[in-house]
Amino acid sequence: MANHKATKKDVRQSRKRNERNRYYGKTTRNAIRDLKAITEKATAEKELNEVASMIDKLAKRNVIHKNKAANLKSKLAKKVNALA
């Protein structure tokens, strides 16, 4: 690592961003897991909107790829629609 102030600052910033992105990713994965466990359609539909929003935010922040976000939302929507 270079010994410049700007480089040290960039390392600090990237470490902070990395921790924040890991937190958002883990929180979203937990929300997805909880959504998959729901068996009532009304509750699942309400929860799907919140989880889809979380997934979109991850894609916007480039934590996950936009196509992965689309695939996740599609699979979750299929699962919710299959509930009776």
C-alpha atoms as a PDB file:
ATOM      1  CA  MET A   1       0.000   0.000   0.000  1.00  0.00           C
ATOM      2  CA  ALA A   2       1.283   3.436  -0.875  1.00  0.00           C
ATOM      3  CA  ASN A   3       2.008   5.765   1.988  1.00  0.00           C
ATOM      4  CA  HIS A   4      -0.168   8.660   0.832  1.00  0.00           C
ATOM      5  CA  LYS A   5      -2.949  10.286   2.823  1.00  0.00           C
ATOM      6  CA  ALA A   6      -5.427   9.780  -0.034  1.00  0.00           C
ATOM      7  CA  THR A   7      -4.609   6.078  -0.283  1.00  0.00           C
ATOM      8  CA  LYS A   8      -5.036   5.587   3.454  1.00  0.00           C
ATOM      9  CA  LYS A   9      -8.366   7.396   3.310  1.00  0.00           C
ATOM     10  CA  ASP A  10      -9.476   5.233   0.383  1.00  0.00           C
ATOM     11  CA  VAL A  11      -8.638   2.094   2.377  1.00  0.00           C
ATOM     12  CA  ARG A  12     -10.680   3.372   5.320  1.00  0.00           C
ATOM     13  CA  GLN A  13     -13.615   4.197   3.063  1.00  0.00           C
ATOM     14  CA  SER A  14     -13.548   0.866   1.249  1.00  0.00           C
ATOM     15  CA  ARG A  15     -13.410  -1.036   4.549  1.00  0.00           C
ATOM     16  CA  LYS A  16     -16.427   0.905   5.804  1.00  0.00           C
ATOM     17  CA  ARG A  17     -18.345   0.307   2.547  1.00  0.00           C
ATOM     18  CA  ASN A  18     -17.475  -3.391   2.651  1.00  0.00           C
ATOM     19  CA  GLU A  19     -18.851  -3.784   6.181  1.00  0.00           C
ATOM     20  CA  ARG A  20     -22.003  -1.879   5.273  1.00  0.00           C
ATOM     21  CA  ASN A  21     -22.555  -3.955   2.123  1.00  0.00           C
ATOM     22  CA  ARG A  22     -22.025  -7.200   4.040  1.00  0.00           C
ATOM     23  CA  TYR A  23     -24.618  -6.069   6.598  1.00  0.00           C
ATOM     24  CA  TYR A  24     -27.185  -5.191   3.921  1.00  0.00           C
ATOM     25  CA  GLY A  25     -26.540  -8.464   2.089  1.00  0.00           C
ATOM     26  CA  LYS A  26     -26.896 -10.588   5.213  1.00  0.00           C
ATOM     27  CA  THR A  27     -30.049  -8.762   6.293  1.00  0.00           C
ATOM     28  CA  THR A  28     -31.597  -9.315   2.867  1.00  0.00           C
ATOM     29  CA  ARG A  29     -30.680 -13.018   2.844  1.00  0.00           C
ATOM     30  CA  ASN A  30     -32.331 -13.402   6.261  1.00  0.00           C
ATOM     31  CA  ALA A  31     -35.457 -11.637   4.989  1.00  0.00           C
ATOM     32  CA  ILE A  32     -35.561 -13.964   1.967  1.00  0.00           C
ATOM     33  CA  ARG A  33     -35.247 -16.991   4.257  1.00  0.00           C
ATOM     34  CA  ASP A  34     -38.092 -15.714   6.451  1.00  0.00           C
ATOM     35  CA  LEU A  35     -40.265 -15.055   3.392  1.00  0.00           C
ATOM     36  CA  LYS A  36     -39.751 -18.614   2.151  1.00  0.00           C
ATOM     37  CA  ALA A  37     -40.913 -19.931   5.535  1.00  0.00           C
ATOM     38  CA  ILE A  38     -44.256 -18.078   5.416  1.00  0.00           C
ATOM     39  CA  THR A  39     -47.252 -20.276   4.536  1.00  0.00           C
ATOM     40  CA  GLU A  40     -50.070 -17.683   4.430  1.00  0.00           C
ATOM     41  CA  LYS A  41     -50.509 -15.980   1.060  1.00  0.00           C
ATOM     42  CA  ALA A  42     -51.676 -12.586   2.395  1.00  0.00           C
ATOM     43  CA  THR A  43     -48.731 -12.280   4.751  1.00  0.00           C
ATOM     44  CA  ALA A  44     -46.306 -13.488   2.088  1.00  0.00           C
ATOM     45  CA  GLU A  45     -47.539 -10.928  -0.472  1.00  0.00           C
ATOM     46  CA  LYS A  46     -47.069  -8.104   2.002  1.00  0.00           C
ATOM     47  CA  GLU A  47     -43.598  -9.340   2.906  1.00  0.00           C
ATOM     48  CA  LEU A  48     -42.675  -9.850  -0.763  1.00  0.00           C
ATOM     49  CA  ASN A  49     -42.925  -6.104  -1.427  1.00  0.00           C
ATOM     50  CA  GLU A  50     -40.481  -5.324   1.361  1.00  0.00           C
ATOM     51  CA  VAL A  51     -38.027  -8.059   0.356  1.00  0.00           C
ATOM     52  CA  ALA A  52     -38.165  -7.038  -3.315  1.00  0.00           C
ATOM     53  CA  SER A  53     -37.334  -3.486  -2.267  1.00  0.00           C
ATOM     54  CA  MET A  54     -34.350  -4.728  -0.277  1.00  0.00           C
ATOM     55  CA  ILE A  55     -33.143  -6.763  -3.262  1.00  0.00           C
ATOM     56  CA  ASP A  56     -33.493  -3.746  -5.569  1.00  0.00           C
ATOM     57  CA  LYS A  57     -31.421  -1.635  -3.198  1.00  0.00           C
ATOM     58  CA  LEU A  58     -28.646  -4.248  -3.215  1.00  0.00           C
ATOM     59  CA  ALA A  59     -28.629  -4.204  -7.010  1.00  0.00           C
ATOM     60  CA  LYS A  60     -28.594  -0.406  -7.062  1.00  0.00           C
ATOM     61  CA  ARG A  61     -25.570  -0.367  -4.741  1.00  0.00           C
ATOM     62  CA  ASN A  62     -23.837  -3.018  -6.910  1.00  0.00           C
ATOM     63  CA  VAL A  63     -23.702  -5.461  -4.008  1.00  0.00           C
ATOM     64  CA  ILE A  64     -25.379  -8.015  -6.281  1.00  0.00           C
ATOM     65  CA  HIS A  65     -25.767  -8.026 -10.055  1.00  0.00           C
ATOM     66  CA  LYS A  66     -29.015  -6.655 -11.475  1.00  0.00           C
ATOM     67  CA  ASN A  67     -29.801  -9.950 -13.208  1.00  0.00           C
ATOM     68  CA  LYS A  68     -29.333 -11.863  -9.951  1.00  0.00           C
ATOM     69  CA  ALA A  69     -31.750  -9.431  -8.315  1.00  0.00           C
ATOM     70  CA  ALA A  70     -34.285 -10.046 -11.067  1.00  0.00           C
ATOM     71  CA  ASN A  71     -33.889 -13.826 -10.738  1.00  0.00           C
ATOM     72  CA  LEU A  72     -34.319 -13.692  -6.955  1.00  0.00           C
ATOM     73  CA  LYS A  73     -37.462 -11.573  -7.199  1.00  0.00           C
ATOM     74  CA  SER A  74     -38.892 -13.843  -9.896  1.00  0.00           C
ATOM     75  CA  LYS A  75     -38.346 -17.000  -7.855  1.00  0.00           C
ATOM     76  CA  LEU A  76     -39.842 -15.421  -4.747  1.00  0.00           C
ATOM     77  CA  ALA A  77     -42.874 -14.185  -6.694  1.00  0.00           C
ATOM     78  CA  LYS A  78     -43.450 -17.681  -8.087  1.00  0.00           C
ATOM     79  CA  LYS A  79     -43.248 -19.149  -4.605  1.00  0.00           C
ATOM     80  CA  VAL A  80     -45.716 -16.613  -3.191  1.00  0.00           C
ATOM     81  CA  ASN A  81     -48.143 -17.063  -6.086  1.00  0.00           C
ATOM     82  CA  ALA A  82     -48.062 -20.838  -5.595  1.00  0.00           C
ATOM     83  CA  LEU A  83     -49.347 -20.489  -2.025  1.00  0.00           C
ATOM     84  CA  ALA A  84     -53.003 -21.356  -1.597  1.00  0.00           C
END
